[in-house]
Amino acid sequence: CEPTLLPEPNHVMLNHLYALSIKDSVMVLSATHRYRKKYVTTLLYKPI
């Protein structure tokens, strides 16, 4: 993945948990954290 293709996350998006979508009985949660000069986004898939 080319880092220049992805925009830098907005400061209000950092350290928050988001429910992205619920489809086919699967909920997707996302959280973005900053580690030094990099941003790490974690996606969690949870069947409901």
Protein backbone atom coordinates (compact mmCIF):
# COMPACT_ATOMS: atom_id res chain seq x y z
CA CYS A 1 0.00 0.00 0.00
CA GLU A 2 1.36 3.37 -0.99
CA PRO A 3 1.21 5.74 2.03
CA THR A 4 0.60 8.76 -0.18
CA LEU A 5 -2.68 7.25 -1.41
CA LEU A 6 -4.33 7.39 2.01
CA PRO A 7 -5.27 10.71 3.62
CA GLU A 8 -4.01 11.56 7.10
CA PRO A 9 -6.78 10.85 9.63
CA ASN A 10 -8.58 13.79 11.18
CA HIS A 11 -7.62 14.40 14.83
CA VAL A 12 -11.20 13.68 15.98
CA MET A 13 -10.97 10.17 14.45
CA LEU A 14 -8.01 9.11 16.61
CA ASN A 15 -8.60 6.89 19.65
CA HIS A 16 -12.33 6.48 18.97
CA LEU A 17 -14.24 3.29 18.26
CA TYR A 18 -16.59 3.37 15.26
CA ALA A 19 -19.29 0.94 14.17
CA LEU A 20 -18.81 1.01 10.41
CA SER A 21 -21.53 -1.27 9.14
CA ILE A 22 -23.81 -4.17 9.93
CA LYS A 23 -24.31 -6.46 6.94
CA ASP A 24 -25.05 -10.17 6.70
CA SER A 25 -25.15 -10.37 10.53
CA VAL A 26 -21.57 -9.09 10.85
CA MET A 27 -20.72 -5.82 12.60
CA VAL A 28 -17.47 -4.04 11.70
CA LEU A 29 -15.73 -1.90 14.33
CA SER A 30 -12.76 0.35 13.63
CA ALA A 31 -10.24 2.29 15.70
CA THR A 32 -7.33 4.47 14.51
CA HIS A 33 -4.32 5.22 16.69
CA ARG A 34 -1.17 7.22 16.05
CA TYR A 35 2.17 5.53 16.74
CA ARG A 36 5.04 7.98 16.29
CA LYS A 37 4.67 9.24 12.70
CA LYS A 38 2.42 6.40 11.54
CA TYR A 39 -1.30 5.74 11.86
CA VAL A 40 -2.62 2.26 12.66
CA THR A 41 -6.23 1.35 11.93
CA THR A 42 -7.62 -1.83 13.46
CA LEU A 43 -10.78 -3.47 12.12
CA LEU A 44 -12.75 -5.95 14.21
CA TYR A 45 -15.37 -8.20 12.61
CA LYS A 46 -18.02 -9.50 15.04
CA PRO A 47 -20.87 -11.83 14.09
CA ILE A 48 -24.15 -10.79 15.67
